[in-house]
Amino acid sequence: MPKTNRWHPVMLPDNYLRKMKQDLSEADAAADSSTRCEPDPAVASESSLKKDWLRPEEDEAWQDL
């Protein structure tokens, strides 16, 4: 038995499609403007803290834990 296509094309008015496209563009722009990309302070400071973490004195201080 052959498979039947369950999707049927639907004709929509041009103004409906235009409005839907505009709404999607506005939602996308709003999401972009409300989302900030700020660096995480913990990650940003890791390279400078690594200098202290890798010292022998640090290993000695933490060896009993």
C-alpha atoms as a PDB file:
ATOM      1  CA  MET A   1       0.000   0.000   0.000  1.00  0.00           C
ATOM      2  CA  PRO A   2       1.587   3.324  -1.032  1.00  0.00           C
ATOM      3  CA  LYS A   3       2.141   6.029   1.552  1.00  0.00           C
ATOM      4  CA  THR A   4      -0.060   9.043   1.186  1.00  0.00           C
ATOM      5  CA  ASN A   5       1.182  12.550   1.701  1.00  0.00           C
ATOM      6  CA  ARG A   6      -0.614  13.989   4.718  1.00  0.00           C
ATOM      7  CA  TRP A   7       0.480  17.544   3.968  1.00  0.00           C
ATOM      8  CA  HIS A   8      -1.872  19.573   1.845  1.00  0.00           C
ATOM      9  CA  PRO A   9      -0.858  22.881   0.346  1.00  0.00           C
ATOM     10  CA  VAL A  10      -2.728  25.853   1.746  1.00  0.00           C
ATOM     11  CA  MET A  11      -3.122  29.154  -0.014  1.00  0.00           C
ATOM     12  CA  LEU A  12      -2.683  32.128   2.280  1.00  0.00           C
ATOM     13  CA  PRO A  13      -3.281  35.771   1.431  1.00  0.00           C
ATOM     14  CA  ASP A  14      -0.154  37.802   0.624  1.00  0.00           C
ATOM     15  CA  ASN A  15      -0.825  40.310   3.413  1.00  0.00           C
ATOM     16  CA  TYR A  16      -1.038  37.458   5.932  1.00  0.00           C
ATOM     17  CA  LEU A  17       2.350  36.098   4.864  1.00  0.00           C
ATOM     18  CA  ARG A  18       3.866  39.595   4.877  1.00  0.00           C
ATOM     19  CA  LYS A  19       2.553  40.233   8.413  1.00  0.00           C
ATOM     20  CA  MET A  20       3.828  36.871   9.654  1.00  0.00           C
ATOM     21  CA  LYS A  21       7.276  37.560   8.201  1.00  0.00           C
ATOM     22  CA  GLN A  22       7.319  41.027   9.784  1.00  0.00           C
ATOM     23  CA  ASP A  23       6.290  39.613  13.187  1.00  0.00           C
ATOM     24  CA  LEU A  24       9.042  37.004  13.021  1.00  0.00           C
ATOM     25  CA  SER A  25      11.623  39.651  12.099  1.00  0.00           C
ATOM     26  CA  GLU A  26      10.529  41.861  15.001  1.00  0.00           C
ATOM     27  CA  ALA A  27      10.635  38.934  17.441  1.00  0.00           C
ATOM     28  CA  ASP A  28      14.122  38.017  16.208  1.00  0.00           C
ATOM     29  CA  ALA A  29      15.324  41.624  16.597  1.00  0.00           C
ATOM     30  CA  ALA A  30      13.828  41.846  20.094  1.00  0.00           C
ATOM     31  CA  ALA A  31      15.560  38.623  21.122  1.00  0.00           C
ATOM     32  CA  ASP A  32      18.889  39.903  19.793  1.00  0.00           C
ATOM     33  CA  SER A  33      18.611  43.232  21.603  1.00  0.00           C
ATOM     34  CA  SER A  34      17.549  41.700  24.923  1.00  0.00           C
ATOM     35  CA  THR A  35      20.302  39.086  24.937  1.00  0.00           C
ATOM     36  CA  ARG A  36      23.622  40.374  26.157  1.00  0.00           C
ATOM     37  CA  CYS A  37      26.836  38.507  25.776  1.00  0.00           C
ATOM     38  CA  GLU A  38      28.891  39.452  28.806  1.00  0.00           C
ATOM     39  CA  PRO A  39      32.015  37.534  29.738  1.00  0.00           C
ATOM     40  CA  ASP A  40      31.860  35.344  32.822  1.00  0.00           C
ATOM     41  CA  PRO A  41      34.188  36.876  35.451  1.00  0.00           C
ATOM     42  CA  ALA A  42      35.295  33.432  36.642  1.00  0.00           C
ATOM     43  CA  VAL A  43      36.397  32.429  33.152  1.00  0.00           C
ATOM     44  CA  ALA A  44      37.931  35.830  32.440  1.00  0.00           C
ATOM     45  CA  SER A  45      40.063  35.721  35.589  1.00  0.00           C
ATOM     46  CA  GLU A  46      41.137  32.088  35.229  1.00  0.00           C
ATOM     47  CA  SER A  47      44.343  32.844  33.331  1.00  0.00           C
ATOM     48  CA  SER A  48      45.586  35.293  35.966  1.00  0.00           C
ATOM     49  CA  LEU A  49      44.554  33.083  38.863  1.00  0.00           C
ATOM     50  CA  LYS A  50      46.249  30.098  37.229  1.00  0.00           C
ATOM     51  CA  LYS A  51      49.611  31.717  37.950  1.00  0.00           C
ATOM     52  CA  ASP A  52      48.888  31.489  41.683  1.00  0.00           C
ATOM     53  CA  TRP A  53      47.258  28.066  41.504  1.00  0.00           C
ATOM     54  CA  LEU A  54      50.277  26.458  39.866  1.00  0.00           C
ATOM     55  CA  ARG A  55      52.791  27.547  42.489  1.00  0.00           C
ATOM     56  CA  PRO A  56      54.383  24.885  44.723  1.00  0.00           C
ATOM     57  CA  GLU A  57      53.249  26.835  47.795  1.00  0.00           C
ATOM     58  CA  GLU A  58      49.629  26.296  46.756  1.00  0.00           C
ATOM     59  CA  ASP A  59      50.130  22.552  46.378  1.00  0.00           C
ATOM     60  CA  GLU A  60      51.704  22.429  49.825  1.00  0.00           C
ATOM     61  CA  ALA A  61      48.862  24.434  51.370  1.00  0.00           C
ATOM     62  CA  TRP A  62      46.179  22.144  49.928  1.00  0.00           C
ATOM     63  CA  GLN A  63      47.851  18.758  50.382  1.00  0.00           C
ATOM     64  CA  ASP A  64      46.018  17.930  53.649  1.00  0.00           C
ATOM     65  CA  LEU A  65      42.562  18.388  52.186  1.00  0.00           C
END
